[in-house]
Amino acid sequence: MPETVAENGWQKKGTRAAMTERLPHGGNLTKAEAEYGRPLNGWLDLSTGINPMPYPVGRIDPKFWHRLPDQADLHVLLLAARQAYGIAGQAGVVAAPGTQAIIQ
């Protein structure tokens, strides 16, 4: 298979990008619509992290708005994620501020 990304930045079906090549990550709906058309219900673009229908967040202790989480906080978060999603103990789980941070 060719190791190229289409000129418009989208990877075409049946191709793969070279592992060292950076792929674009969201935010360009004009290009997506030109290449793939518009879905019946339109696009929900979450690439900026702004969801028009966010998950309802409960009360958050004000101290968490004034400091970064420490290792104990991270441990509790990852345990809660494992329980909530039924993830086995040996499977890798990552907490990140968004997918772009993981991709890069």
PDB file of N, CA and C in Angstrom:
ATOM      1  N   MET A   1       0.833  -1.197   0.000  1.00  0.00           N
ATOM      2  CA  MET A   1       0.000   0.000   0.000  1.00  0.00           C
ATOM      3  C   MET A   1       0.866   1.244   0.000  1.00  0.00           C
ATOM      4  N   PRO A   2       0.434   2.286  -0.667  1.00  0.00           N
ATOM      5  CA  PRO A   2       1.222   3.521  -0.639  1.00  0.00           C
ATOM      6  C   PRO A   2       1.216   4.132   0.751  1.00  0.00           C
ATOM      7  N   GLU A   3       2.310   4.777   1.091  1.00  0.00           N
ATOM      8  CA  GLU A   3       2.414   5.418   2.404  1.00  0.00           C
ATOM      9  C   GLU A   3       2.246   6.919   2.245  1.00  0.00           C
ATOM     10  N   THR A   4       1.085   7.333   1.798  1.00  0.00           N
ATOM     11  CA  THR A   4       0.844   8.752   1.571  1.00  0.00           C
ATOM     12  C   THR A   4      -0.448   9.187   2.222  1.00  0.00           C
ATOM     13  N   VAL A   5      -0.546  10.467   2.444  1.00  0.00           N
ATOM     14  CA  VAL A   5      -1.770  11.086   2.928  1.00  0.00           C
ATOM     15  C   VAL A   5      -2.255  11.974   1.797  1.00  0.00           C
ATOM     16  N   ALA A   6      -3.552  11.995   1.571  1.00  0.00           N
ATOM     17  CA  ALA A   6      -4.114  12.795   0.484  1.00  0.00           C
ATOM     18  C   ALA A   6      -3.691  14.252   0.609  1.00  0.00           C
ATOM     19  N   GLU A   7      -3.674  14.950  -0.505  1.00  0.00           N
ATOM     20  CA  GLU A   7      -3.265  16.355  -0.526  1.00  0.00           C
ATOM     21  C   GLU A   7      -4.069  17.199   0.452  1.00  0.00           C
ATOM     22  N   ASN A   8      -5.341  16.842   0.642  1.00  0.00           N
ATOM     23  CA  ASN A   8      -6.179  17.623   1.548  1.00  0.00           C
ATOM     24  C   ASN A   8      -5.947  17.272   3.014  1.00  0.00           C
ATOM     25  N   GLY A   9      -5.015  16.356   3.287  1.00  0.00           N
ATOM     26  CA  GLY A   9      -4.688  16.029   4.666  1.00  0.00           C
ATOM     27  C   GLY A   9      -5.448  14.852   5.224  1.00  0.00           C
ATOM     28  N   TRP A  10      -6.371  14.287   4.484  1.00  0.00           N
ATOM     29  CA  TRP A  10      -7.142  13.145   4.963  1.00  0.00           C
ATOM     30  C   TRP A  10      -6.547  11.867   4.420  1.00  0.00           C
ATOM     31  N   GLN A  11      -6.478  10.860   5.261  1.00  0.00           N
ATOM     32  CA  GLN A  11      -5.966   9.570   4.821  1.00  0.00           C
ATOM     33  C   GLN A  11      -7.072   8.848   4.073  1.00  0.00           C
ATOM     34  N   LYS A  12      -6.808   8.441   2.852  1.00  0.00           N
ATOM     35  CA  LYS A  12      -7.818   7.764   2.047  1.00  0.00           C
ATOM     36  C   LYS A  12      -7.888   6.294   2.421  1.00  0.00           C
ATOM     37  N   LYS A  13      -9.070   5.709   2.260  1.00  0.00           N
ATOM     38  CA  LYS A  13      -9.283   4.305   2.541  1.00  0.00           C
ATOM     39  C   LYS A  13      -8.327   3.478   1.688  1.00  0.00           C
ATOM     40  N   GLY A  14      -7.724   2.465   2.285  1.00  0.00           N
ATOM     41  CA  GLY A  14      -6.813   1.617   1.547  1.00  0.00           C
ATOM     42  C   GLY A  14      -5.381   2.129   1.512  1.00  0.00           C
ATOM     43  N   THR A  15      -5.089   3.192   2.241  1.00  0.00           N
ATOM     44  CA  THR A  15      -3.719   3.693   2.322  1.00  0.00           C
ATOM     45  C   THR A  15      -3.337   3.789   3.783  1.00  0.00           C
ATOM     46  N   ARG A  16      -2.057   3.960   4.011  1.00  0.00           N
ATOM     47  CA  ARG A  16      -1.610   4.180   5.386  1.00  0.00           C
ATOM     48  C   ARG A  16      -0.499   5.210   5.364  1.00  0.00           C
ATOM     49  N   ALA A  17      -0.413   5.977   6.393  1.00  0.00           N
ATOM     50  CA  ALA A  17       0.618   7.008   6.475  1.00  0.00           C
ATOM     51  C   ALA A  17       1.878   6.406   7.070  1.00  0.00           C
ATOM     52  N   ALA A  18       3.015   6.926   6.699  1.00  0.00           N
ATOM     53  CA  ALA A  18       4.264   6.496   7.301  1.00  0.00           C
ATOM     54  C   ALA A  18       4.221   6.818   8.788  1.00  0.00           C
ATOM     55  N   MET A  19       4.852   5.988   9.604  1.00  0.00           N
ATOM     56  CA  MET A  19       4.798   6.158  11.052  1.00  0.00           C
ATOM     57  C   MET A  19       5.392   7.496  11.500  1.00  0.00           C
ATOM     58  N   THR A  20       6.314   8.047  10.736  1.00  0.00           N
ATOM     59  CA  THR A  20       6.938   9.303  11.147  1.00  0.00           C
ATOM     60  C   THR A  20       6.170  10.519  10.662  1.00  0.00           C
ATOM     61  N   GLU A  21       5.176  10.322   9.819  1.00  0.00           N
ATOM     62  CA  GLU A  21       4.426  11.432   9.252  1.00  0.00           C
ATOM     63  C   GLU A  21       3.332  11.883  10.217  1.00  0.00           C
ATOM     64  N   ARG A  22       3.161  13.195  10.372  1.00  0.00           N
ATOM     65  CA  ARG A  22       2.118  13.716  11.256  1.00  0.00           C
ATOM     66  C   ARG A  22       0.819  13.847  10.491  1.00  0.00           C
ATOM     67  N   LEU A  23      -0.227  13.285  11.035  1.00  0.00           N
ATOM     68  CA  LEU A  23      -1.547  13.400  10.437  1.00  0.00           C
ATOM     69  C   LEU A  23      -2.290  14.560  11.079  1.00  0.00           C
ATOM     70  N   PRO A  24      -3.107  15.268  10.318  1.00  0.00           N
ATOM     71  CA  PRO A  24      -3.917  16.339  10.907  1.00  0.00           C
ATOM     72  C   PRO A  24      -4.945  15.737  11.856  1.00  0.00           C
ATOM     73  N   HIS A  25      -5.334  16.502  12.837  1.00  0.00           N
ATOM     74  CA  HIS A  25      -6.268  15.990  13.838  1.00  0.00           C
ATOM     75  C   HIS A  25      -7.450  16.945  13.984  1.00  0.00           C
ATOM     76  N   GLY A  26      -8.474  16.735  13.181  1.00  0.00           N
ATOM     77  CA  GLY A  26      -9.748  17.428  13.345  1.00  0.00           C
ATOM     78  C   GLY A  26      -9.744  18.915  13.054  1.00  0.00           C
ATOM     79  N   GLY A  27     -10.947  19.470  13.115  1.00  0.00           N
ATOM     80  CA  GLY A  27     -11.109  20.905  13.011  1.00  0.00           C
ATOM     81  C   GLY A  27     -11.286  21.467  11.618  1.00  0.00           C
ATOM     82  N   ASN A  28     -11.177  20.657  10.580  1.00  0.00           N
ATOM     83  CA  ASN A  28     -11.308  21.197   9.234  1.00  0.00           C
ATOM     84  C   ASN A  28     -12.510  20.567   8.543  1.00  0.00           C
ATOM     85  N   LEU A  29     -13.695  21.015   8.940  1.00  0.00           N
ATOM     86  CA  LEU A  29     -14.927  20.428   8.413  1.00  0.00           C
ATOM     87  C   LEU A  29     -15.128  20.715   6.935  1.00  0.00           C
ATOM     88  N   THR A  30     -14.611  21.824   6.444  1.00  0.00           N
ATOM     89  CA  THR A  30     -14.742  22.134   5.019  1.00  0.00           C
ATOM     90  C   THR A  30     -14.071  21.055   4.181  1.00  0.00           C
ATOM     91  N   LYS A  31     -12.863  20.654   4.565  1.00  0.00           N
ATOM     92  CA  LYS A  31     -12.160  19.590   3.848  1.00  0.00           C
ATOM     93  C   LYS A  31     -12.874  18.253   4.006  1.00  0.00           C
ATOM     94  N   ALA A  32     -13.355  17.975   5.198  1.00  0.00           N
ATOM     95  CA  ALA A  32     -14.055  16.709   5.432  1.00  0.00           C
ATOM     96  C   ALA A  32     -15.306  16.614   4.571  1.00  0.00           C
ATOM     97  N   GLU A  33     -16.068  17.684   4.497  1.00  0.00           N
ATOM     98  CA  GLU A  33     -17.286  17.677   3.682  1.00  0.00           C
ATOM     99  C   GLU A  33     -16.966  17.576   2.197  1.00  0.00           C
ATOM    100  N   ALA A  34     -15.903  18.234   1.755  1.00  0.00           N
ATOM    101  CA  ALA A  34     -15.520  18.157   0.343  1.00  0.00           C
ATOM    102  C   ALA A  34     -15.140  16.729  -0.036  1.00  0.00           C
ATOM    103  N   GLU A  35     -14.485  16.033   0.858  1.00  0.00           N
ATOM    104  CA  GLU A  35     -14.013  14.674   0.579  1.00  0.00           C
ATOM    105  C   GLU A  35     -15.086  13.614   0.820  1.00  0.00           C
ATOM    106  N   TYR A  36     -15.839  13.733   1.911  1.00  0.00           N
ATOM    107  CA  TYR A  36     -16.736  12.661   2.346  1.00  0.00           C
ATOM    108  C   TYR A  36     -18.216  13.025   2.330  1.00  0.00           C
ATOM    109  N   GLY A  37     -18.537  14.280   2.045  1.00  0.00           N
ATOM    110  CA  GLY A  37     -19.933  14.703   2.080  1.00  0.00           C
ATOM    111  C   GLY A  37     -20.352  15.110   3.480  1.00  0.00           C
ATOM    112  N   ARG A  38     -21.597  15.531   3.604  1.00  0.00           N
ATOM    113  CA  ARG A  38     -22.120  15.981   4.900  1.00  0.00           C
ATOM    114  C   ARG A  38     -23.068  14.921   5.447  1.00  0.00           C
ATOM    115  N   PRO A  39     -22.868  14.474   6.701  1.00  0.00           N
ATOM    116  CA  PRO A  39     -23.795  13.513   7.305  1.00  0.00           C
ATOM    117  C   PRO A  39     -25.204  14.104   7.400  1.00  0.00           C
ATOM    118  N   LEU A  40     -26.202  13.240   7.433  1.00  0.00           N
ATOM    119  CA  LEU A  40     -27.595  13.698   7.489  1.00  0.00           C
ATOM    120  C   LEU A  40     -27.841  14.676   8.628  1.00  0.00           C
ATOM    121  N   ASN A  41     -27.278  14.405   9.789  1.00  0.00           N
ATOM    122  CA  ASN A  41     -27.483  15.268  10.955  1.00  0.00           C
ATOM    123  C   ASN A  41     -26.363  16.279  11.145  1.00  0.00           C
ATOM    124  N   GLY A  42     -25.511  16.439  10.140  1.00  0.00           N
ATOM    125  CA  GLY A  42     -24.393  17.372  10.261  1.00  0.00           C
ATOM    126  C   GLY A  42     -23.261  16.768  11.079  1.00  0.00           C
ATOM    127  N   TRP A  43     -22.221  17.530  11.245  1.00  0.00           N
ATOM    128  CA  TRP A  43     -21.057  17.090  12.009  1.00  0.00           C
ATOM    129  C   TRP A  43     -21.151  17.592  13.445  1.00  0.00           C
ATOM    130  N   LEU A  44     -20.619  16.840  14.362  1.00  0.00           N
ATOM    131  CA  LEU A  44     -20.417  17.293  15.736  1.00  0.00           C
ATOM    132  C   LEU A  44     -18.906  17.371  15.900  1.00  0.00           C
ATOM    133  N   ASP A  45     -18.353  18.552  15.782  1.00  0.00           N
ATOM    134  CA  ASP A  45     -16.905  18.745  15.798  1.00  0.00           C
ATOM    135  C   ASP A  45     -16.430  18.928  17.230  1.00  0.00           C
ATOM    136  N   LEU A  46     -15.798  17.912  17.765  1.00  0.00           N
ATOM    137  CA  LEU A  46     -15.284  17.970  19.131  1.00  0.00           C
ATOM    138  C   LEU A  46     -13.780  18.229  19.154  1.00  0.00           C
ATOM    139  N   SER A  47     -13.214  18.575  18.010  1.00  0.00           N
ATOM    140  CA  SER A  47     -11.765  18.727  17.929  1.00  0.00           C
ATOM    141  C   SER A  47     -11.238  19.865  18.794  1.00  0.00           C
ATOM    142  N   THR A  48     -12.055  20.817  19.131  1.00  0.00           N
ATOM    143  CA  THR A  48     -11.598  21.914  19.984  1.00  0.00           C
ATOM    144  C   THR A  48     -11.886  21.642  21.455  1.00  0.00           C
ATOM    145  N   GLY A  49     -12.546  20.542  21.737  1.00  0.00           N
ATOM    146  CA  GLY A  49     -12.893  20.225  23.112  1.00  0.00           C
ATOM    147  C   GLY A  49     -14.126  20.968  23.596  1.00  0.00           C
ATOM    148  N   ILE A  50     -14.842  21.603  22.686  1.00  0.00           N
ATOM    149  CA  ILE A  50     -16.056  22.334  23.055  1.00  0.00           C
ATOM    150  C   ILE A  50     -17.248  21.537  22.562  1.00  0.00           C
ATOM    151  N   ASN A  51     -17.958  20.925  23.475  1.00  0.00           N
ATOM    152  CA  ASN A  51     -19.101  20.102  23.129  1.00  0.00           C
ATOM    153  C   ASN A  51     -20.369  20.899  23.412  1.00  0.00           C
ATOM    154  N   PRO A  52     -21.238  21.077  22.413  1.00  0.00           N
ATOM    155  CA  PRO A  52     -22.471  21.828  22.650  1.00  0.00           C
ATOM    156  C   PRO A  52     -23.448  21.097  23.571  1.00  0.00           C
ATOM    157  N   MET A  53     -23.206  19.817  23.819  1.00  0.00           N
ATOM    158  CA  MET A  53     -24.046  19.022  24.722  1.00  0.00           C
ATOM    159  C   MET A  53     -23.149  18.329  25.744  1.00  0.00           C
ATOM    160  N   PRO A  54     -22.512  19.088  26.647  1.00  0.00           N
ATOM    161  CA  PRO A  54     -21.531  18.500  27.558  1.00  0.00           C
ATOM    162  C   PRO A  54     -22.156  17.557  28.578  1.00  0.00           C
ATOM    163  N   TYR A  55     -21.309  16.678  29.088  1.00  0.00           N
ATOM    164  CA  TYR A  55     -21.710  15.786  30.160  1.00  0.00           C
ATOM    165  C   TYR A  55     -21.972  16.631  31.405  1.00  0.00           C
ATOM    166  N   PRO A  56     -23.074  16.371  32.119  1.00  0.00           N
ATOM    167  CA  PRO A  56     -23.362  17.165  33.322  1.00  0.00           C
ATOM    168  C   PRO A  56     -22.356  16.851  34.440  1.00  0.00           C
ATOM    169  N   VAL A  57     -21.613  17.846  34.829  1.00  0.00           N
ATOM    170  CA  VAL A  57     -20.601  17.675  35.869  1.00  0.00           C
ATOM    171  C   VAL A  57     -21.219  18.004  37.217  1.00  0.00           C
ATOM    172  N   GLY A  58     -20.988  17.143  38.174  1.00  0.00           N
ATOM    173  CA  GLY A  58     -21.487  17.391  39.528  1.00  0.00           C
ATOM    174  C   GLY A  58     -20.631  18.435  40.237  1.00  0.00           C
ATOM    175  N   ARG A  59     -20.843  18.566  41.537  1.00  0.00           N
ATOM    176  CA  ARG A  59     -20.084  19.542  42.314  1.00  0.00           C
ATOM    177  C   ARG A  59     -18.619  19.121  42.379  1.00  0.00           C
ATOM    178  N   ILE A  60     -17.731  20.068  42.125  1.00  0.00           N
ATOM    179  CA  ILE A  60     -16.289  19.830  42.197  1.00  0.00           C
ATOM    180  C   ILE A  60     -15.734  20.675  43.328  1.00  0.00           C
ATOM    181  N   ASP A  61     -14.969  20.042  44.207  1.00  0.00           N
ATOM    182  CA  ASP A  61     -14.355  20.749  45.328  1.00  0.00           C
ATOM    183  C   ASP A  61     -13.513  21.907  44.779  1.00  0.00           C
ATOM    184  N   PRO A  62     -13.722  23.131  45.269  1.00  0.00           N
ATOM    185  CA  PRO A  62     -12.991  24.298  44.756  1.00  0.00           C
ATOM    186  C   PRO A  62     -11.468  24.150  44.783  1.00  0.00           C
ATOM    187  N   LYS A  63     -10.929  23.342  45.706  1.00  0.00           N
ATOM    188  CA  LYS A  63      -9.466  23.194  45.770  1.00  0.00           C
ATOM    189  C   LYS A  63      -8.902  22.641  44.462  1.00  0.00           C
ATOM    190  N   PHE A  64      -9.708  21.882  43.712  1.00  0.00           N
ATOM    191  CA  PHE A  64      -9.213  21.290  42.472  1.00  0.00           C
ATOM    192  C   PHE A  64      -9.099  22.303  41.337  1.00  0.00           C
ATOM    193  N   TRP A  65      -9.673  23.474  41.491  1.00  0.00           N
ATOM    194  CA  TRP A  65      -9.536  24.530  40.486  1.00  0.00           C
ATOM    195  C   TRP A  65      -8.286  25.368  40.730  1.00  0.00           C
ATOM    196  N   HIS A  66      -7.598  25.133  41.841  1.00  0.00           N
ATOM    197  CA  HIS A  66      -6.470  25.979  42.223  1.00  0.00           C
ATOM    198  C   HIS A  66      -5.137  25.251  42.302  1.00  0.00           C
ATOM    199  N   ARG A  67      -5.112  23.980  41.943  1.00  0.00           N
ATOM    200  CA  ARG A  67      -3.842  23.248  41.955  1.00  0.00           C
ATOM    201  C   ARG A  67      -3.906  22.112  40.942  1.00  0.00           C
ATOM    202  N   LEU A  68      -2.737  21.676  40.522  1.00  0.00           N
ATOM    203  CA  LEU A  68      -2.663  20.535  39.618  1.00  0.00           C
ATOM    204  C   LEU A  68      -2.850  19.246  40.408  1.00  0.00           C
ATOM    205  N   PRO A  69      -3.371  18.211  39.783  1.00  0.00           N
ATOM    206  CA  PRO A  69      -3.532  16.943  40.493  1.00  0.00           C
ATOM    207  C   PRO A  69      -2.172  16.330  40.822  1.00  0.00           C
ATOM    208  N   ASP A  70      -2.093  15.642  41.957  1.00  0.00           N
ATOM    209  CA  ASP A  70      -0.852  14.959  42.313  1.00  0.00           C
ATOM    210  C   ASP A  70      -0.983  13.466  41.986  1.00  0.00           C
ATOM    211  N   GLN A  71       0.033  12.697  42.303  1.00  0.00           N
ATOM    212  CA  GLN A  71       0.039  11.270  41.956  1.00  0.00           C
ATOM    213  C   GLN A  71      -1.095  10.502  42.633  1.00  0.00           C
ATOM    214  N   ALA A  72      -1.450  10.878  43.856  1.00  0.00           N
ATOM    215  CA  ALA A  72      -2.556  10.202  44.544  1.00  0.00           C
ATOM    216  C   ALA A  72      -3.872  10.465  43.812  1.00  0.00           C
ATOM    217  N   ASP A  73      -4.073  11.703  43.353  1.00  0.00           N
ATOM    218  CA  ASP A  73      -5.279  12.035  42.583  1.00  0.00           C
ATOM    219  C   ASP A  73      -5.329  11.224  41.291  1.00  0.00           C
ATOM    220  N   LEU A  74      -4.194  11.123  40.607  1.00  0.00           N
ATOM    221  CA  LEU A  74      -4.123  10.365  39.362  1.00  0.00           C
ATOM    222  C   LEU A  74      -4.440   8.894  39.606  1.00  0.00           C
ATOM    223  N   HIS A  75      -3.909   8.344  40.675  1.00  0.00           N
ATOM    224  CA  HIS A  75      -4.169   6.942  41.018  1.00  0.00           C
ATOM    225  C   HIS A  75      -5.669   6.705  41.229  1.00  0.00           C
ATOM    226  N   VAL A  76      -6.319   7.573  41.978  1.00  0.00           N
ATOM    227  CA  VAL A  76      -7.763   7.452  42.225  1.00  0.00           C
ATOM    228  C   VAL A  76      -8.542   7.573  40.913  1.00  0.00           C
ATOM    229  N   LEU A  77      -8.147   8.512  40.056  1.00  0.00           N
ATOM    230  CA  LEU A  77      -8.807   8.692  38.762  1.00  0.00           C
ATOM    231  C   LEU A  77      -8.700   7.431  37.909  1.00  0.00           C
ATOM    232  N   LEU A  78      -7.501   6.875  37.797  1.00  0.00           N
ATOM    233  CA  LEU A  78      -7.308   5.690  36.963  1.00  0.00           C
ATOM    234  C   LEU A  78      -8.055   4.479  37.521  1.00  0.00           C
ATOM    235  N   LEU A  79      -8.105   4.339  38.833  1.00  0.00           N
ATOM    236  CA  LEU A  79      -8.892   3.251  39.436  1.00  0.00           C
ATOM    237  C   LEU A  79     -10.375   3.420  39.119  1.00  0.00           C
ATOM    238  N   ALA A  80     -10.868   4.643  39.225  1.00  0.00           N
ATOM    239  CA  ALA A  80     -12.279   4.907  38.915  1.00  0.00           C
ATOM    240  C   ALA A  80     -12.571   4.611  37.446  1.00  0.00           C
ATOM    241  N   ALA A  81     -11.658   4.989  36.553  1.00  0.00           N
ATOM    242  CA  ALA A  81     -11.847   4.716  35.122  1.00  0.00           C
ATOM    243  C   ALA A  81     -11.865   3.215  34.860  1.00  0.00           C
ATOM    244  N   ARG A  82     -10.957   2.477  35.490  1.00  0.00           N
ATOM    245  CA  ARG A  82     -10.924   1.015  35.320  1.00  0.00           C
ATOM    246  C   ARG A  82     -12.248   0.387  35.765  1.00  0.00           C
ATOM    247  N   GLN A  83     -12.763   0.834  36.892  1.00  0.00           N
ATOM    248  CA  GLN A  83     -14.035   0.292  37.389  1.00  0.00           C
ATOM    249  C   GLN A  83     -15.192   0.680  36.481  1.00  0.00           C
ATOM    250  N   ALA A  84     -15.259   1.940  36.100  1.00  0.00           N
ATOM    251  CA  ALA A  84     -16.376   2.433  35.291  1.00  0.00           C
ATOM    252  C   ALA A  84     -16.438   1.764  33.926  1.00  0.00           C
ATOM    253  N   TYR A  85     -15.271   1.503  33.323  1.00  0.00           N
ATOM    254  CA  TYR A  85     -15.233   0.944  31.973  1.00  0.00           C
ATOM    255  C   TYR A  85     -14.918  -0.549  31.945  1.00  0.00           C
ATOM    256  N   GLY A  86     -14.786  -1.165  33.119  1.00  0.00           N
ATOM    257  CA  GLY A  86     -14.508  -2.597  33.178  1.00  0.00           C
ATOM    258  C   GLY A  86     -13.164  -2.963  32.568  1.00  0.00           C
ATOM    259  N   ILE A  87     -12.132  -2.183  32.856  1.00  0.00           N
ATOM    260  CA  ILE A  87     -10.806  -2.400  32.281  1.00  0.00           C
ATOM    261  C   ILE A  87      -9.990  -3.289  33.206  1.00  0.00           C
ATOM    262  N   ALA A  88      -9.404  -4.326  32.631  1.00  0.00           N
ATOM    263  CA  ALA A  88      -8.578  -5.253  33.402  1.00  0.00           C
ATOM    264  C   ALA A  88      -7.346  -4.538  33.952  1.00  0.00           C
ATOM    265  N   GLY A  89      -6.839  -5.034  35.084  1.00  0.00           N
ATOM    266  CA  GLY A  89      -5.709  -4.410  35.756  1.00  0.00           C
ATOM    267  C   GLY A  89      -4.443  -4.316  34.932  1.00  0.00           C
ATOM    268  N   GLN A  90      -4.218  -5.274  34.019  1.00  0.00           N
ATOM    269  CA  GLN A  90      -2.991  -5.261  33.227  1.00  0.00           C
ATOM    270  C   GLN A  90      -3.083  -4.371  31.983  1.00  0.00           C
ATOM    271  N   ALA A  91      -4.281  -3.924  31.630  1.00  0.00           N
ATOM    272  CA  ALA A  91      -4.450  -3.078  30.439  1.00  0.00           C
ATOM    273  C   ALA A  91      -3.989  -1.655  30.743  1.00  0.00           C
ATOM    274  N   GLY A  92      -3.366  -1.025  29.777  1.00  0.00           N
ATOM    275  CA  GLY A  92      -2.880   0.338  29.953  1.00  0.00           C
ATOM    276  C   GLY A  92      -4.010   1.354  29.936  1.00  0.00           C
ATOM    277  N   VAL A  93      -3.973   2.297  30.850  1.00  0.00           N
ATOM    278  CA  VAL A  93      -4.943   3.390  30.909  1.00  0.00           C
ATOM    279  C   VAL A  93      -4.145   4.682  31.044  1.00  0.00           C
ATOM    280  N   VAL A  94      -4.525   5.686  30.272  1.00  0.00           N
ATOM    281  CA  VAL A  94      -3.809   6.956  30.282  1.00  0.00           C
ATOM    282  C   VAL A  94      -4.791   8.081  30.572  1.00  0.00           C
ATOM    283  N   ALA A  95      -4.415   8.975  31.462  1.00  0.00           N
ATOM    284  CA  ALA A  95      -5.197  10.188  31.703  1.00  0.00           C
ATOM    285  C   ALA A  95      -4.479  11.320  30.977  1.00  0.00           C
ATOM    286  N   ALA A  96      -5.208  12.038  30.137  1.00  0.00           N
ATOM    287  CA  ALA A  96      -4.596  13.120  29.358  1.00  0.00           C
ATOM    288  C   ALA A  96      -5.608  14.244  29.174  1.00  0.00           C
ATOM    289  N   PRO A  97      -5.131  15.450  28.876  1.00  0.00           N
ATOM    290  CA  PRO A  97      -6.035  16.581  28.681  1.00  0.00           C
ATOM    291  C   PRO A  97      -6.768  16.550  27.345  1.00  0.00           C
ATOM    292  N   GLY A  98      -6.534  15.535  26.554  1.00  0.00           N
ATOM    293  CA  GLY A  98      -7.198  15.387  25.255  1.00  0.00           C
ATOM    294  C   GLY A  98      -6.387  14.479  24.358  1.00  0.00           C
ATOM    295  N   THR A  99      -6.994  14.035  23.276  1.00  0.00           N
ATOM    296  CA  THR A  99      -6.311  13.094  22.400  1.00  0.00           C
ATOM    297  C   THR A  99      -5.107  13.704  21.696  1.00  0.00           C
ATOM    298  N   GLN A 100      -5.130  14.997  21.417  1.00  0.00           N
ATOM    299  CA  GLN A 100      -3.998  15.605  20.716  1.00  0.00           C
ATOM    300  C   GLN A 100      -2.714  15.438  21.516  1.00  0.00           C
ATOM    301  N   ALA A 101      -2.788  15.565  22.824  1.00  0.00           N
ATOM    302  CA  ALA A 101      -1.601  15.398  23.663  1.00  0.00           C
ATOM    303  C   ALA A 101      -1.050  13.980  23.560  1.00  0.00           C
ATOM    304  N   ILE A 102      -1.914  13.005  23.414  1.00  0.00           N
ATOM    305  CA  ILE A 102      -1.479  11.613  23.289  1.00  0.00           C
ATOM    306  C   ILE A 102      -0.911  11.357  21.898  1.00  0.00           C
ATOM    307  N   ILE A 103      -1.541  11.895  20.875  1.00  0.00           N
ATOM    308  CA  ILE A 103      -1.093  11.698  19.495  1.00  0.00           C
ATOM    309  C   ILE A 103       0.313  12.249  19.300  1.00  0.00           C
ATOM    310  N   GLN A 104       0.577  13.411  19.868  1.00  0.00           N
ATOM    311  CA  GLN A 104       1.885  14.027  19.675  1.00  0.00           C
ATOM    312  C   GLN A 104       2.899  13.375  20.564  1.00  0.00           C
TER     313      GLN A 104
END
